[in-house]
Structures are given as C-alpha cells and as structure tokens.
Amino acid sequence: MVASTKRRKKRMKRQLKKRFKQASGTVLVVETKEPQQFMAHILYKGKYKVENQAYQAQLDAVYGGKVQPIERHINQTAIILHHYSECDQRFYARPKWLLSKEGQRHDCYCYLSSMPTGVTKKSQRIVSDEDILKMCTLFSEGISTTKIAIELGVSRPTVNKYLKQAGVK
C-alpha cells in the first residue's frame, strides 16, 4: 500500500515534468499538503522577451525599468512572476494591478535599513491642575465628557478618570 503510493507520486511528478518539457524553462515541482497534487513553477529567466516587449514597455513607463516579468505575459489578469532589480525581490502580481492600481503597485522596502530601528513612543499630553479644574467646572455646567475631551485635547477616559478623582462624577 505504501509502495504503491510512492510509485504513484513519482509517476505524477514525471508526468508533470513531461507536460512542461516543451517550455524549455527550469521546472520546479512543489508538493502541496495533499500528497497527490503537485504545483509546477516554471522560471523562464528572460526566455519570453519577444512576447513580453509590449508589457515590458508599459512596466518601464511606470517603474523606470526596475521591474521585469520572469514568466510569459498571457493577459492583464493572469498572475505572473516579476523581478524587482533594485531590491532583488521576486513577487507574483497581476499586470493590470501593477500598471493601474496605486495600492497594488510594488513598493521597495530597501530604504527601511536606513531608518532608525528604535520604537517611537507616542507623546502624551500632561494634564495640569488648571485642566482638571476646567474639567470640573465644565462638567458642573452640564457639558458632556466627550465635548470636554475635545475642547481640552485629551481622551474621554482621561476626563472620566480625573472627574472621578475629583469626586464630581
């Protein structure tokens, strides 16, 4: 039983490689969680320069020649592998998203190494005694805690905390 499963897996890998043999690219067969299903990733490394010329011209207009398609451009909605030369990164993307959608364009994160790595702490507003008195007087006049918080530039829970400490609320 176990031997037949192994033979079946090997046979499926051979058949998959034969199917993609005419592509003349490097075939990587990756086994998924299900033992009988395989995915083939074909890396062409510039073998489709003639077919990708129009698409490469569009990419050059947007990215300045930094992004090149590795796989063959089929249509605008097919997900294909791209290479970004500035950060030497490979990524999968749809051509229409790379060319038209602002949120889907490739962002290079090479500049992150030059940024400081320390955690920046959000500055907190220090509440003075005058602010606490103003909170108490505004609350006694019938103004809501939300409006008091907006006026003083603090959060509503902060206003509630100081009003409870003062014994007003």
C-alpha atoms as a PDB file:
ATOM      1  CA  MET A   1       0.000   0.000   0.000  1.00  0.00           C
ATOM      2  CA  VAL A   2       2.767   2.444   0.935  1.00  0.00           C
ATOM      3  CA  ALA A   3       4.926   1.424  -2.022  1.00  0.00           C
ATOM      4  CA  SER A   4       2.094   1.991  -4.481  1.00  0.00           C
ATOM      5  CA  THR A   5       1.536   5.497  -3.100  1.00  0.00           C
ATOM      6  CA  LYS A   6       5.215   6.337  -3.546  1.00  0.00           C
ATOM      7  CA  ARG A   7       5.179   4.973  -7.103  1.00  0.00           C
ATOM      8  CA  ARG A   8       2.053   6.976  -7.876  1.00  0.00           C
ATOM      9  CA  LYS A   9       3.676  10.164  -6.574  1.00  0.00           C
ATOM     10  CA  LYS A  10       6.803   9.583  -8.669  1.00  0.00           C
ATOM     11  CA  ARG A  11       4.685   8.867 -11.744  1.00  0.00           C
ATOM     12  CA  MET A  12       2.693  12.087 -11.242  1.00  0.00           C
ATOM     13  CA  LYS A  13       5.926  14.082 -10.923  1.00  0.00           C
ATOM     14  CA  ARG A  14       7.281  12.542 -14.140  1.00  0.00           C
ATOM     15  CA  GLN A  15       4.048  13.269 -15.991  1.00  0.00           C
ATOM     16  CA  LEU A  16       4.030  16.843 -14.765  1.00  0.00           C
ATOM     17  CA  LYS A  17       7.618  17.374 -15.878  1.00  0.00           C
ATOM     18  CA  LYS A  18       6.824  15.895 -19.303  1.00  0.00           C
ATOM     19  CA  ARG A  19       3.881  18.285 -19.695  1.00  0.00           C
ATOM     20  CA  PHE A  20       6.100  21.303 -19.155  1.00  0.00           C
ATOM     21  CA  LYS A  21       9.126  19.958 -21.034  1.00  0.00           C
ATOM     22  CA  GLN A  22       8.289  21.938 -24.185  1.00  0.00           C
ATOM     23  CA  ALA A  23       8.538  25.185 -22.192  1.00  0.00           C
ATOM     24  CA  SER A  24      12.367  24.806 -22.018  1.00  0.00           C
ATOM     25  CA  GLY A  25      12.439  26.516 -18.640  1.00  0.00           C
ATOM     26  CA  THR A  26      13.573  25.225 -15.284  1.00  0.00           C
ATOM     27  CA  VAL A  27      10.733  23.207 -13.778  1.00  0.00           C
ATOM     28  CA  LEU A  28      10.350  23.143 -10.015  1.00  0.00           C
ATOM     29  CA  VAL A  29       7.805  20.641  -8.747  1.00  0.00           C
ATOM     30  CA  VAL A  30       6.495  21.511  -5.305  1.00  0.00           C
ATOM     31  CA  GLU A  31       4.385  19.055  -3.345  1.00  0.00           C
ATOM     32  CA  THR A  32       1.329  20.564  -1.648  1.00  0.00           C
ATOM     33  CA  LYS A  33      -0.397  19.334   1.519  1.00  0.00           C
ATOM     34  CA  GLU A  34      -2.399  16.784  -0.432  1.00  0.00           C
ATOM     35  CA  PRO A  35       0.051  14.034  -1.433  1.00  0.00           C
ATOM     36  CA  GLN A  36      -1.454  13.511  -4.879  1.00  0.00           C
ATOM     37  CA  GLN A  37      -1.430  17.152  -6.040  1.00  0.00           C
ATOM     38  CA  PHE A  38       1.604  18.967  -7.334  1.00  0.00           C
ATOM     39  CA  MET A  39       2.206  22.517  -8.486  1.00  0.00           C
ATOM     40  CA  ALA A  40       4.669  23.385 -11.238  1.00  0.00           C
ATOM     41  CA  HIS A  41       6.542  26.656 -11.179  1.00  0.00           C
ATOM     42  CA  ILE A  42       8.328  27.431 -14.421  1.00  0.00           C
ATOM     43  CA  LEU A  43      11.079  30.007 -14.207  1.00  0.00           C
ATOM     44  CA  TYR A  44      11.866  31.297 -17.689  1.00  0.00           C
ATOM     45  CA  LYS A  45      14.637  33.796 -16.897  1.00  0.00           C
ATOM     46  CA  GLY A  46      14.029  36.103 -19.835  1.00  0.00           C
ATOM     47  CA  LYS A  47      13.125  33.465 -22.425  1.00  0.00           C
ATOM     48  CA  TYR A  48       9.972  35.389 -23.403  1.00  0.00           C
ATOM     49  CA  LYS A  49      11.496  38.745 -24.272  1.00  0.00           C
ATOM     50  CA  VAL A  50       9.765  38.859 -27.662  1.00  0.00           C
ATOM     51  CA  GLU A  51       6.285  38.123 -26.277  1.00  0.00           C
ATOM     52  CA  ASN A  52       6.764  40.464 -23.298  1.00  0.00           C
ATOM     53  CA  GLN A  53       8.013  43.514 -25.219  1.00  0.00           C
ATOM     54  CA  ALA A  54       4.730  45.437 -25.142  1.00  0.00           C
ATOM     55  CA  TYR A  55       4.157  44.631 -21.470  1.00  0.00           C
ATOM     56  CA  GLN A  56       7.777  45.495 -20.621  1.00  0.00           C
ATOM     57  CA  ALA A  57       7.345  48.894 -22.303  1.00  0.00           C
ATOM     58  CA  GLN A  58       4.324  49.575 -20.067  1.00  0.00           C
ATOM     59  CA  LEU A  59       6.268  48.486 -16.972  1.00  0.00           C
ATOM     60  CA  ASP A  60       9.195  50.728 -17.965  1.00  0.00           C
ATOM     61  CA  ALA A  61       6.861  53.718 -18.174  1.00  0.00           C
ATOM     62  CA  VAL A  62       5.634  53.127 -14.612  1.00  0.00           C
ATOM     63  CA  TYR A  63       8.726  51.732 -12.843  1.00  0.00           C
ATOM     64  CA  GLY A  64      11.595  53.050 -14.967  1.00  0.00           C
ATOM     65  CA  GLY A  65      12.957  49.641 -15.992  1.00  0.00           C
ATOM     66  CA  LYS A  66      13.273  48.253 -12.470  1.00  0.00           C
ATOM     67  CA  VAL A  67      10.547  45.592 -12.823  1.00  0.00           C
ATOM     68  CA  GLN A  68      10.822  42.741 -15.338  1.00  0.00           C
ATOM     69  CA  PRO A  69       8.387  39.865 -15.890  1.00  0.00           C
ATOM     70  CA  ILE A  70      10.012  36.462 -15.466  1.00  0.00           C
ATOM     71  CA  GLU A  71       7.094  34.429 -16.757  1.00  0.00           C
ATOM     72  CA  ARG A  72       5.302  34.903 -20.068  1.00  0.00           C
ATOM     73  CA  HIS A  73       2.703  37.673 -20.158  1.00  0.00           C
ATOM     74  CA  ILE A  74      -0.592  35.970 -21.025  1.00  0.00           C
ATOM     75  CA  ASN A  75      -3.149  38.705 -20.360  1.00  0.00           C
ATOM     76  CA  GLN A  76      -3.750  41.572 -17.941  1.00  0.00           C
ATOM     77  CA  THR A  77      -5.489  39.439 -15.311  1.00  0.00           C
ATOM     78  CA  ALA A  78      -3.152  36.435 -15.178  1.00  0.00           C
ATOM     79  CA  ILE A  79      -0.883  36.371 -12.129  1.00  0.00           C
ATOM     80  CA  ILE A  80       2.762  36.083 -13.212  1.00  0.00           C
ATOM     81  CA  LEU A  81       6.153  36.212 -11.530  1.00  0.00           C
ATOM     82  CA  HIS A  82       8.082  39.508 -11.652  1.00  0.00           C
ATOM     83  CA  HIS A  83      11.578  40.551 -10.584  1.00  0.00           C
ATOM     84  CA  TYR A  84      12.402  43.923  -8.979  1.00  0.00           C
ATOM     85  CA  SER A  85      16.052  44.734  -9.697  1.00  0.00           C
ATOM     86  CA  GLU A  86      16.542  47.394  -7.024  1.00  0.00           C
ATOM     87  CA  CYS A  87      15.848  45.114  -4.057  1.00  0.00           C
ATOM     88  CA  ASP A  88      16.439  41.820  -5.930  1.00  0.00           C
ATOM     89  CA  GLN A  89      12.981  40.599  -4.970  1.00  0.00           C
ATOM     90  CA  ARG A  90      10.631  38.247  -6.821  1.00  0.00           C
ATOM     91  CA  PHE A  91       6.900  38.633  -6.431  1.00  0.00           C
ATOM     92  CA  TYR A  92       3.672  37.481  -8.047  1.00  0.00           C
ATOM     93  CA  ALA A  93       1.303  40.131  -9.330  1.00  0.00           C
ATOM     94  CA  ARG A  94      -1.382  40.819 -11.893  1.00  0.00           C
ATOM     95  CA  PRO A  95      -0.164  43.098 -14.702  1.00  0.00           C
ATOM     96  CA  LYS A  96      -3.226  45.356 -14.590  1.00  0.00           C
ATOM     97  CA  TRP A  97      -2.728  45.932 -10.866  1.00  0.00           C
ATOM     98  CA  LEU A  98       0.951  46.749 -11.268  1.00  0.00           C
ATOM     99  CA  LEU A  99       0.178  49.224 -14.009  1.00  0.00           C
ATOM    100  CA  SER A 100      -3.016  50.898 -12.843  1.00  0.00           C
ATOM    101  CA  LYS A 101      -3.870  50.417  -9.148  1.00  0.00           C
ATOM    102  CA  GLU A 102      -1.965  52.676  -6.761  1.00  0.00           C
ATOM    103  CA  GLY A 103      -2.399  50.375  -3.760  1.00  0.00           C
ATOM    104  CA  GLN A 104      -1.241  47.277  -5.647  1.00  0.00           C
ATOM    105  CA  ARG A 105       1.996  48.646  -7.058  1.00  0.00           C
ATOM    106  CA  HIS A 106       5.270  47.146  -5.874  1.00  0.00           C
ATOM    107  CA  ASP A 107       6.893  49.064  -3.044  1.00  0.00           C
ATOM    108  CA  CYS A 108      10.586  48.517  -2.483  1.00  0.00           C
ATOM    109  CA  TYR A 109      11.463  48.352   1.188  1.00  0.00           C
ATOM    110  CA  CYS A 110      15.226  48.776   0.722  1.00  0.00           C
ATOM    111  CA  TYR A 111      15.082  52.163   2.397  1.00  0.00           C
ATOM    112  CA  LEU A 112      13.956  50.586   5.696  1.00  0.00           C
ATOM    113  CA  SER A 113      17.550  49.667   6.580  1.00  0.00           C
ATOM    114  CA  SER A 114      18.429  53.364   6.742  1.00  0.00           C
ATOM    115  CA  MET A 115      15.524  54.183   9.062  1.00  0.00           C
ATOM    116  CA  PRO A 116      16.064  54.180  12.837  1.00  0.00           C
ATOM    117  CA  THR A 117      15.101  50.884  14.421  1.00  0.00           C
ATOM    118  CA  GLY A 118      14.096  52.238  17.846  1.00  0.00           C
ATOM    119  CA  VAL A 119      10.479  52.112  18.830  1.00  0.00           C
ATOM    120  CA  THR A 120       8.973  55.563  18.768  1.00  0.00           C
ATOM    121  CA  LYS A 121       6.690  56.293  21.688  1.00  0.00           C
ATOM    122  CA  LYS A 122       3.622  58.439  21.223  1.00  0.00           C
ATOM    123  CA  SER A 123       3.877  61.662  23.163  1.00  0.00           C
ATOM    124  CA  GLN A 124       1.319  62.000  25.918  1.00  0.00           C
ATOM    125  CA  ARG A 125      -0.290  65.250  26.930  1.00  0.00           C
ATOM    126  CA  ILE A 126       0.306  66.086  30.573  1.00  0.00           C
ATOM    127  CA  VAL A 127      -2.888  67.183  32.313  1.00  0.00           C
ATOM    128  CA  SER A 128      -2.248  70.130  34.622  1.00  0.00           C
ATOM    129  CA  ASP A 129      -4.188  71.209  37.705  1.00  0.00           C
ATOM    130  CA  GLU A 130      -5.758  74.029  35.706  1.00  0.00           C
ATOM    131  CA  ASP A 131      -7.077  71.496  33.185  1.00  0.00           C
ATOM    132  CA  ILE A 132      -8.584  69.416  36.000  1.00  0.00           C
ATOM    133  CA  LEU A 133     -10.342  72.480  37.420  1.00  0.00           C
ATOM    134  CA  LYS A 134     -11.634  73.383  33.969  1.00  0.00           C
ATOM    135  CA  MET A 135     -12.932  69.807  33.540  1.00  0.00           C
ATOM    136  CA  CYS A 136     -14.807  70.039  36.843  1.00  0.00           C
ATOM    137  CA  THR A 137     -16.353  73.420  36.066  1.00  0.00           C
ATOM    138  CA  LEU A 138     -17.411  72.409  32.557  1.00  0.00           C
ATOM    139  CA  PHE A 139     -18.926  69.157  33.846  1.00  0.00           C
ATOM    140  CA  SER A 140     -20.849  71.016  36.565  1.00  0.00           C
ATOM    141  CA  GLU A 141     -22.223  73.350  33.861  1.00  0.00           C
ATOM    142  CA  GLY A 142     -23.731  70.289  32.132  1.00  0.00           C
ATOM    143  CA  ILE A 143     -21.286  69.806  29.243  1.00  0.00           C
ATOM    144  CA  SER A 144     -20.727  66.176  28.252  1.00  0.00           C
ATOM    145  CA  THR A 145     -17.416  64.404  28.818  1.00  0.00           C
ATOM    146  CA  THR A 146     -16.972  63.961  25.081  1.00  0.00           C
ATOM    147  CA  LYS A 147     -17.168  67.698  24.422  1.00  0.00           C
ATOM    148  CA  ILE A 148     -14.831  68.390  27.359  1.00  0.00           C
ATOM    149  CA  ALA A 149     -12.305  65.923  25.944  1.00  0.00           C
ATOM    150  CA  ILE A 150     -12.452  67.549  22.506  1.00  0.00           C
ATOM    151  CA  GLU A 151     -12.059  71.039  23.957  1.00  0.00           C
ATOM    152  CA  LEU A 152      -9.053  70.145  26.141  1.00  0.00           C
ATOM    153  CA  GLY A 153      -7.430  67.786  23.604  1.00  0.00           C
ATOM    154  CA  VAL A 154      -7.428  64.679  25.800  1.00  0.00           C
ATOM    155  CA  SER A 155      -9.261  61.384  25.584  1.00  0.00           C
ATOM    156  CA  ARG A 156     -12.688  60.836  27.089  1.00  0.00           C
ATOM    157  CA  PRO A 157     -11.473  58.127  29.514  1.00  0.00           C
ATOM    158  CA  THR A 158      -8.892  60.634  30.799  1.00  0.00           C
ATOM    159  CA  VAL A 159     -11.653  63.148  31.514  1.00  0.00           C
ATOM    160  CA  ASN A 160     -13.689  60.458  33.316  1.00  0.00           C
ATOM    161  CA  LYS A 161     -10.636  59.439  35.366  1.00  0.00           C
ATOM    162  CA  TYR A 162      -9.929  62.974  36.615  1.00  0.00           C
ATOM    163  CA  LEU A 163     -13.613  63.691  37.275  1.00  0.00           C
ATOM    164  CA  LYS A 164     -13.839  60.571  39.453  1.00  0.00           C
ATOM    165  CA  GLN A 165     -10.641  61.556  41.283  1.00  0.00           C
ATOM    166  CA  ALA A 166     -12.101  64.990  41.968  1.00  0.00           C
ATOM    167  CA  GLY A 167     -15.322  63.413  43.244  1.00  0.00           C
ATOM    168  CA  VAL A 168     -17.528  65.281  40.795  1.00  0.00           C
ATOM    169  CA  LYS A 169     -18.724  62.245  38.912  1.00  0.00           C
END
